[in-house]
Amino acid sequence: PRRIIKSCGCKTEDLKILEKNGFIIIFDSGVLVIRDWKLNNTLKNDRYHPTVYNEEYKHLETDSNGRYNKKA
């Protein structure tokens, strides 16, 4: 996320605002999850690659609307 912040000319506080408003989930490791990713993006099976961030992925669940949520 830091590289994207610099390329867009944003501030780190902007990420905190997105997290506060429920658009993203930020893990302590620095991994960022876009909550509506599955709703707005589709991939063909031949283009799909599983995540390398398995530890963070274990802490996520998908609700009935297809949004990622952090497990309690």
PDB file of N, CA and C in Angstrom:
ATOM      1  N   PRO A   1       0.794  -1.214   0.000  1.00  0.00           N
ATOM      2  CA  PRO A   1       0.000   0.000   0.000  1.00  0.00           C
ATOM      3  C   PRO A   1       0.835   1.277   0.000  1.00  0.00           C
ATOM      4  N   ARG A   2       2.017   1.224   0.581  1.00  0.00           N
ATOM      5  CA  ARG A   2       2.829   2.448   0.655  1.00  0.00           C
ATOM      6  C   ARG A   2       3.274   2.910  -0.726  1.00  0.00           C
ATOM      7  N   ARG A   3       3.595   1.974  -1.597  1.00  0.00           N
ATOM      8  CA  ARG A   3       4.004   2.341  -2.955  1.00  0.00           C
ATOM      9  C   ARG A   3       2.851   2.995  -3.717  1.00  0.00           C
ATOM     10  N   ILE A   4       1.659   2.482  -3.524  1.00  0.00           N
ATOM     11  CA  ILE A   4       0.484   3.055  -4.186  1.00  0.00           C
ATOM     12  C   ILE A   4       0.186   4.436  -3.630  1.00  0.00           C
ATOM     13  N   ILE A   5       0.348   4.616  -2.325  1.00  0.00           N
ATOM     14  CA  ILE A   5       0.141   5.929  -1.709  1.00  0.00           C
ATOM     15  C   ILE A   5       1.055   6.959  -2.345  1.00  0.00           C
ATOM     16  N   LYS A   6       2.319   6.611  -2.505  1.00  0.00           N
ATOM     17  CA  LYS A   6       3.274   7.548  -3.102  1.00  0.00           C
ATOM     18  C   LYS A   6       2.941   7.847  -4.554  1.00  0.00           C
ATOM     19  N   SER A   7       2.563   6.824  -5.322  1.00  0.00           N
ATOM     20  CA  SER A   7       2.286   7.037  -6.744  1.00  0.00           C
ATOM     21  C   SER A   7       1.024   7.864  -6.960  1.00  0.00           C
ATOM     22  N   CYS A   8       0.069   7.786  -6.027  1.00  0.00           N
ATOM     23  CA  CYS A   8      -1.177   8.552  -6.138  1.00  0.00           C
ATOM     24  C   CYS A   8      -1.084   9.929  -5.511  1.00  0.00           C
ATOM     25  N   GLY A   9      -0.040  10.165  -4.735  1.00  0.00           N
ATOM     26  CA  GLY A   9       0.083  11.446  -4.050  1.00  0.00           C
ATOM     27  C   GLY A   9      -0.823  11.543  -2.834  1.00  0.00           C
ATOM     28  N   CYS A  10      -1.171  10.405  -2.249  1.00  0.00           N
ATOM     29  CA  CYS A  10      -2.033  10.380  -1.067  1.00  0.00           C
ATOM     30  C   CYS A  10      -1.198  10.408   0.207  1.00  0.00           C
ATOM     31  N   LYS A  11      -1.877  10.392   1.323  1.00  0.00           N
ATOM     32  CA  LYS A  11      -1.227  10.345   2.633  1.00  0.00           C
ATOM     33  C   LYS A  11      -1.617   9.059   3.336  1.00  0.00           C
ATOM     34  N   THR A  12      -0.834   8.652   4.307  1.00  0.00           N
ATOM     35  CA  THR A  12      -1.124   7.454   5.088  1.00  0.00           C
ATOM     36  C   THR A  12      -2.456   7.594   5.812  1.00  0.00           C
ATOM     37  N   GLU A  13      -2.821   8.800   6.198  1.00  0.00           N
ATOM     38  CA  GLU A  13      -4.090   9.035   6.879  1.00  0.00           C
ATOM     39  C   GLU A  13      -5.272   8.670   5.992  1.00  0.00           C
ATOM     40  N   ASP A  14      -5.093   8.764   4.675  1.00  0.00           N
ATOM     41  CA  ASP A  14      -6.171   8.406   3.757  1.00  0.00           C
ATOM     42  C   ASP A  14      -6.533   6.926   3.873  1.00  0.00           C
ATOM     43  N   LEU A  15      -5.526   6.079   4.106  1.00  0.00           N
ATOM     44  CA  LEU A  15      -5.802   4.657   4.319  1.00  0.00           C
ATOM     45  C   LEU A  15      -6.596   4.440   5.595  1.00  0.00           C
ATOM     46  N   LYS A  16      -6.264   5.187   6.621  1.00  0.00           N
ATOM     47  CA  LYS A  16      -6.983   5.070   7.888  1.00  0.00           C
ATOM     48  C   LYS A  16      -8.447   5.477   7.722  1.00  0.00           C
ATOM     49  N   ILE A  17      -8.701   6.476   6.897  1.00  0.00           N
ATOM     50  CA  ILE A  17     -10.077   6.905   6.628  1.00  0.00           C
ATOM     51  C   ILE A  17     -10.839   5.804   5.895  1.00  0.00           C
ATOM     52  N   LEU A  18     -10.195   5.166   4.903  1.00  0.00           N
ATOM     53  CA  LEU A  18     -10.837   4.068   4.180  1.00  0.00           C
ATOM     54  C   LEU A  18     -11.136   2.896   5.108  1.00  0.00           C
ATOM     55  N   GLU A  19     -10.213   2.622   6.032  1.00  0.00           N
ATOM     56  CA  GLU A  19     -10.433   1.540   6.992  1.00  0.00           C
ATOM     57  C   GLU A  19     -11.566   1.882   7.950  1.00  0.00           C
ATOM     58  N   LYS A  20     -11.588   3.105   8.427  1.00  0.00           N
ATOM     59  CA  LYS A  20     -12.628   3.543   9.362  1.00  0.00           C
ATOM     60  C   LYS A  20     -14.013   3.464   8.722  1.00  0.00           C
ATOM     61  N   ASN A  21     -14.097   3.778   7.436  1.00  0.00           N
ATOM     62  CA  ASN A  21     -15.380   3.747   6.729  1.00  0.00           C
ATOM     63  C   ASN A  21     -15.736   2.359   6.193  1.00  0.00           C
ATOM     64  N   GLY A  22     -14.890   1.364   6.440  1.00  0.00           N
ATOM     65  CA  GLY A  22     -15.229  -0.006   6.102  1.00  0.00           C
ATOM     66  C   GLY A  22     -14.946  -0.434   4.675  1.00  0.00           C
ATOM     67  N   PHE A  23     -14.103   0.286   3.959  1.00  0.00           N
ATOM     68  CA  PHE A  23     -13.789  -0.080   2.583  1.00  0.00           C
ATOM     69  C   PHE A  23     -12.627  -1.061   2.484  1.00  0.00           C
ATOM     70  N   ILE A  24     -11.715  -1.020   3.458  1.00  0.00           N
ATOM     71  CA  ILE A  24     -10.546  -1.893   3.442  1.00  0.00           C
ATOM     72  C   ILE A  24     -10.317  -2.475   4.831  1.00  0.00           C
ATOM     73  N   ILE A  25      -9.529  -3.550   4.862  1.00  0.00           N
ATOM     74  CA  ILE A  25      -9.074  -4.153   6.120  1.00  0.00           C
ATOM     75  C   ILE A  25      -7.555  -4.134   6.079  1.00  0.00           C
ATOM     76  N   ILE A  26      -6.929  -3.573   7.111  1.00  0.00           N
ATOM     77  CA  ILE A  26      -5.471  -3.514   7.178  1.00  0.00           C
ATOM     78  C   ILE A  26      -4.999  -4.439   8.292  1.00  0.00           C
ATOM     79  N   PHE A  27      -4.084  -5.353   7.950  1.00  0.00           N
ATOM     80  CA  PHE A  27      -3.500  -6.254   8.932  1.00  0.00           C
ATOM     81  C   PHE A  27      -2.221  -5.646   9.488  1.00  0.00           C
ATOM     82  N   ASP A  28      -1.798  -6.103  10.660  1.00  0.00           N
ATOM     83  CA  ASP A  28      -0.571  -5.608  11.291  1.00  0.00           C
ATOM     84  C   ASP A  28       0.659  -5.884  10.438  1.00  0.00           C
ATOM     85  N   SER A  29       0.601  -6.922   9.619  1.00  0.00           N
ATOM     86  CA  SER A  29       1.732  -7.279   8.752  1.00  0.00           C
ATOM     87  C   SER A  29       1.888  -6.309   7.580  1.00  0.00           C
ATOM     88  N   GLY A  30       0.905  -5.434   7.368  1.00  0.00           N
ATOM     89  CA  GLY A  30       0.963  -4.490   6.261  1.00  0.00           C
ATOM     90  C   GLY A  30       0.101  -4.893   5.079  1.00  0.00           C
ATOM     91  N   VAL A  31      -0.472  -6.088   5.127  1.00  0.00           N
ATOM     92  CA  VAL A  31      -1.345  -6.554   4.053  1.00  0.00           C
ATOM     93  C   VAL A  31      -2.657  -5.796   4.119  1.00  0.00           C
ATOM     94  N   LEU A  32      -3.155  -5.391   2.962  1.00  0.00           N
ATOM     95  CA  LEU A  32      -4.386  -4.630   2.862  1.00  0.00           C
ATOM     96  C   LEU A  32      -5.380  -5.428   2.034  1.00  0.00           C
ATOM     97  N   VAL A  33      -6.622  -5.510   2.490  1.00  0.00           N
ATOM     98  CA  VAL A  33      -7.676  -6.248   1.796  1.00  0.00           C
ATOM     99  C   VAL A  33      -8.769  -5.266   1.397  1.00  0.00           C
ATOM    100  N   ILE A  34      -9.134  -5.286   0.126  1.00  0.00           N
ATOM    101  CA  ILE A  34     -10.263  -4.491  -0.354  1.00  0.00           C
ATOM    102  C   ILE A  34     -11.516  -5.329  -0.112  1.00  0.00           C
ATOM    103  N   ARG A  35     -12.402  -4.849   0.727  1.00  0.00           N
ATOM    104  CA  ARG A  35     -13.538  -5.650   1.187  1.00  0.00           C
ATOM    105  C   ARG A  35     -14.484  -6.053   0.061  1.00  0.00           C
ATOM    106  N   ASP A  36     -14.690  -5.217  -0.938  1.00  0.00           N
ATOM    107  CA  ASP A  36     -15.633  -5.512  -2.017  1.00  0.00           C
ATOM    108  C   ASP A  36     -14.966  -6.114  -3.251  1.00  0.00           C
ATOM    109  N   TRP A  37     -13.763  -6.652  -3.106  1.00  0.00           N
ATOM    110  CA  TRP A  37     -13.024  -7.158  -4.266  1.00  0.00           C
ATOM    111  C   TRP A  37     -13.825  -8.186  -5.052  1.00  0.00           C
ATOM    112  N   LYS A  38     -14.420  -9.147  -4.379  1.00  0.00           N
ATOM    113  CA  LYS A  38     -15.170 -10.204  -5.057  1.00  0.00           C
ATOM    114  C   LYS A  38     -16.434  -9.685  -5.728  1.00  0.00           C
ATOM    115  N   LEU A  39     -17.002  -8.616  -5.216  1.00  0.00           N
ATOM    116  CA  LEU A  39     -18.209  -8.048  -5.807  1.00  0.00           C
ATOM    117  C   LEU A  39     -17.921  -7.343  -7.125  1.00  0.00           C
ATOM    118  N   ASN A  40     -16.758  -6.720  -7.220  1.00  0.00           N
ATOM    119  CA  ASN A  40     -16.467  -5.862  -8.363  1.00  0.00           C
ATOM    120  C   ASN A  40     -15.480  -6.446  -9.361  1.00  0.00           C
ATOM    121  N   ASN A  41     -14.904  -7.601  -9.079  1.00  0.00           N
ATOM    122  CA  ASN A  41     -13.899  -8.182  -9.962  1.00  0.00           C
ATOM    123  C   ASN A  41     -14.142  -9.678 -10.139  1.00  0.00           C
ATOM    124  N   THR A  42     -13.930 -10.132 -11.356  1.00  0.00           N
ATOM    125  CA  THR A  42     -14.014 -11.559 -11.640  1.00  0.00           C
ATOM    126  C   THR A  42     -12.785 -11.960 -12.432  1.00  0.00           C
ATOM    127  N   LEU A  43     -12.351 -13.181 -12.227  1.00  0.00           N
ATOM    128  CA  LEU A  43     -11.207 -13.715 -12.951  1.00  0.00           C
ATOM    129  C   LEU A  43     -11.598 -15.049 -13.570  1.00  0.00           C
ATOM    130  N   LYS A  44     -11.079 -15.303 -14.749  1.00  0.00           N
ATOM    131  CA  LYS A  44     -11.262 -16.619 -15.351  1.00  0.00           C
ATOM    132  C   LYS A  44     -10.404 -17.606 -14.571  1.00  0.00           C
ATOM    133  N   ASN A  45     -10.812 -18.855 -14.569  1.00  0.00           N
ATOM    134  CA  ASN A  45     -10.089 -19.870 -13.797  1.00  0.00           C
ATOM    135  C   ASN A  45      -8.636 -20.004 -14.216  1.00  0.00           C
ATOM    136  N   ASP A  46      -8.324 -19.791 -15.486  1.00  0.00           N
ATOM    137  CA  ASP A  46      -6.938 -19.935 -15.935  1.00  0.00           C
ATOM    138  C   ASP A  46      -6.060 -18.764 -15.502  1.00  0.00           C
ATOM    139  N   ARG A  47      -6.655 -17.684 -15.031  1.00  0.00           N
ATOM    140  CA  ARG A  47      -5.895 -16.515 -14.576  1.00  0.00           C
ATOM    141  C   ARG A  47      -5.796 -16.419 -13.059  1.00  0.00           C
ATOM    142  N   TYR A  48      -6.523 -17.242 -12.345  1.00  0.00           N
ATOM    143  CA  TYR A  48      -6.555 -17.200 -10.883  1.00  0.00           C
ATOM    144  C   TYR A  48      -5.276 -17.799 -10.304  1.00  0.00           C
ATOM    145  N   HIS A  49      -4.696 -17.099  -9.333  1.00  0.00           N
ATOM    146  CA  HIS A  49      -3.564 -17.606  -8.558  1.00  0.00           C
ATOM    147  C   HIS A  49      -3.903 -17.436  -7.085  1.00  0.00           C
ATOM    148  N   PRO A  50      -3.749 -18.494  -6.290  1.00  0.00           N
ATOM    149  CA  PRO A  50      -4.045 -18.362  -4.857  1.00  0.00           C
ATOM    150  C   PRO A  50      -3.104 -17.355  -4.188  1.00  0.00           C
ATOM    151  N   THR A  51      -3.551 -16.774  -3.124  1.00  0.00           N
ATOM    152  CA  THR A  51      -2.766 -15.768  -2.423  1.00  0.00           C
ATOM    153  C   THR A  51      -1.528 -16.373  -1.769  1.00  0.00           C
ATOM    154  N   VAL A  52      -0.503 -15.563  -1.639  1.00  0.00           N
ATOM    155  CA  VAL A  52       0.696 -15.977  -0.905  1.00  0.00           C
ATOM    156  C   VAL A  52       0.599 -15.533   0.555  1.00  0.00           C
ATOM    157  N   TYR A  53      -0.431 -14.784   0.890  1.00  0.00           N
ATOM    158  CA  TYR A  53      -0.639 -14.272   2.244  1.00  0.00           C
ATOM    159  C   TYR A  53      -1.639 -15.167   2.979  1.00  0.00           C
ATOM    160  N   ASN A  54      -1.285 -16.432   3.144  1.00  0.00           N
ATOM    161  CA  ASN A  54      -2.191 -17.421   3.729  1.00  0.00           C
ATOM    162  C   ASN A  54      -2.539 -17.127   5.182  1.00  0.00           C
ATOM    163  N   GLU A  55      -1.587 -16.611   5.944  1.00  0.00           N
ATOM    164  CA  GLU A  55      -1.855 -16.338   7.363  1.00  0.00           C
ATOM    165  C   GLU A  55      -2.960 -15.285   7.506  1.00  0.00           C
ATOM    166  N   GLU A  56      -2.909 -14.235   6.711  1.00  0.00           N
ATOM    167  CA  GLU A  56      -3.937 -13.190   6.758  1.00  0.00           C
ATOM    168  C   GLU A  56      -5.262 -13.716   6.195  1.00  0.00           C
ATOM    169  N   TYR A  57      -5.172 -14.530   5.150  1.00  0.00           N
ATOM    170  CA  TYR A  57      -6.380 -15.067   4.519  1.00  0.00           C
ATOM    171  C   TYR A  57      -7.168 -15.949   5.482  1.00  0.00           C
ATOM    172  N   LYS A  58      -6.480 -16.615   6.391  1.00  0.00           N
ATOM    173  CA  LYS A  58      -7.149 -17.460   7.386  1.00  0.00           C
ATOM    174  C   LYS A  58      -8.058 -16.643   8.296  1.00  0.00           C
ATOM    175  N   HIS A  59      -7.776 -15.366   8.454  1.00  0.00           N
ATOM    176  CA  HIS A  59      -8.538 -14.502   9.347  1.00  0.00           C
ATOM    177  C   HIS A  59      -9.687 -13.787   8.648  1.00  0.00           C
ATOM    178  N   LEU A  60      -9.946 -14.160   7.392  1.00  0.00           N
ATOM    179  CA  LEU A  60     -11.031 -13.534   6.632  1.00  0.00           C
ATOM    180  C   LEU A  60     -12.158 -14.519   6.404  1.00  0.00           C
ATOM    181  N   GLU A  61     -13.351 -13.970   6.279  1.00  0.00           N
ATOM    182  CA  GLU A  61     -14.512 -14.749   5.881  1.00  0.00           C
ATOM    183  C   GLU A  61     -15.305 -13.912   4.880  1.00  0.00           C
ATOM    184  N   THR A  62     -16.140 -14.575   4.111  1.00  0.00           N
ATOM    185  CA  THR A  62     -16.961 -13.883   3.126  1.00  0.00           C
ATOM    186  C   THR A  62     -18.403 -13.921   3.596  1.00  0.00           C
ATOM    187  N   ASP A  63     -19.065 -12.771   3.605  1.00  0.00           N
ATOM    188  CA  ASP A  63     -20.467 -12.748   4.038  1.00  0.00           C
ATOM    189  C   ASP A  63     -21.378 -13.109   2.865  1.00  0.00           C
ATOM    190  N   SER A  64     -22.676 -13.073   3.095  1.00  0.00           N
ATOM    191  CA  SER A  64     -23.652 -13.479   2.073  1.00  0.00           C
ATOM    192  C   SER A  64     -23.647 -12.553   0.856  1.00  0.00           C
ATOM    193  N   ASN A  65     -23.145 -11.335   1.018  1.00  0.00           N
ATOM    194  CA  ASN A  65     -23.072 -10.396  -0.097  1.00  0.00           C
ATOM    195  C   ASN A  65     -21.763 -10.513  -0.872  1.00  0.00           C
ATOM    196  N   GLY A  66     -20.842 -11.332  -0.401  1.00  0.00           N
ATOM    197  CA  GLY A  66     -19.565 -11.505  -1.080  1.00  0.00           C
ATOM    198  C   GLY A  66     -18.476 -10.569  -0.600  1.00  0.00           C
ATOM    199  N   ARG A  67     -18.714  -9.865   0.502  1.00  0.00           N
ATOM    200  CA  ARG A  67     -17.702  -8.953   1.064  1.00  0.00           C
ATOM    201  C   ARG A  67     -16.822  -9.689   2.048  1.00  0.00           C
ATOM    202  N   TYR A  68     -15.550  -9.326   2.046  1.00  0.00           N
ATOM    203  CA  TYR A  68     -14.626  -9.868   3.040  1.00  0.00           C
ATOM    204  C   TYR A  68     -14.856  -9.202   4.385  1.00  0.00           C
ATOM    205  N   ASN A  69     -14.806  -9.999   5.443  1.00  0.00           N
ATOM    206  CA  ASN A  69     -14.887  -9.514   6.822  1.00  0.00           C
ATOM    207  C   ASN A  69     -13.803 -10.203   7.625  1.00  0.00           C
ATOM    208  N   LYS A  70     -13.287  -9.523   8.618  1.00  0.00           N
ATOM    209  CA  LYS A  70     -12.309 -10.124   9.515  1.00  0.00           C
ATOM    210  C   LYS A  70     -13.052 -10.986  10.530  1.00  0.00           C
ATOM    211  N   LYS A  71     -12.589 -12.229  10.703  1.00  0.00           N
ATOM    212  CA  LYS A  71     -13.223 -13.127  11.660  1.00  0.00           C
ATOM    213  C   LYS A  71     -13.071 -12.588  13.073  1.00  0.00           C
ATOM    214  N   ALA A  72     -14.076 -12.825  13.880  1.00  0.00           N
ATOM    215  CA  ALA A  72     -14.058 -12.354  15.272  1.00  0.00           C
ATOM    216  C   ALA A  72     -13.168 -13.171  16.139  1.00  0.00           C
TER     217      ALA A  72
END
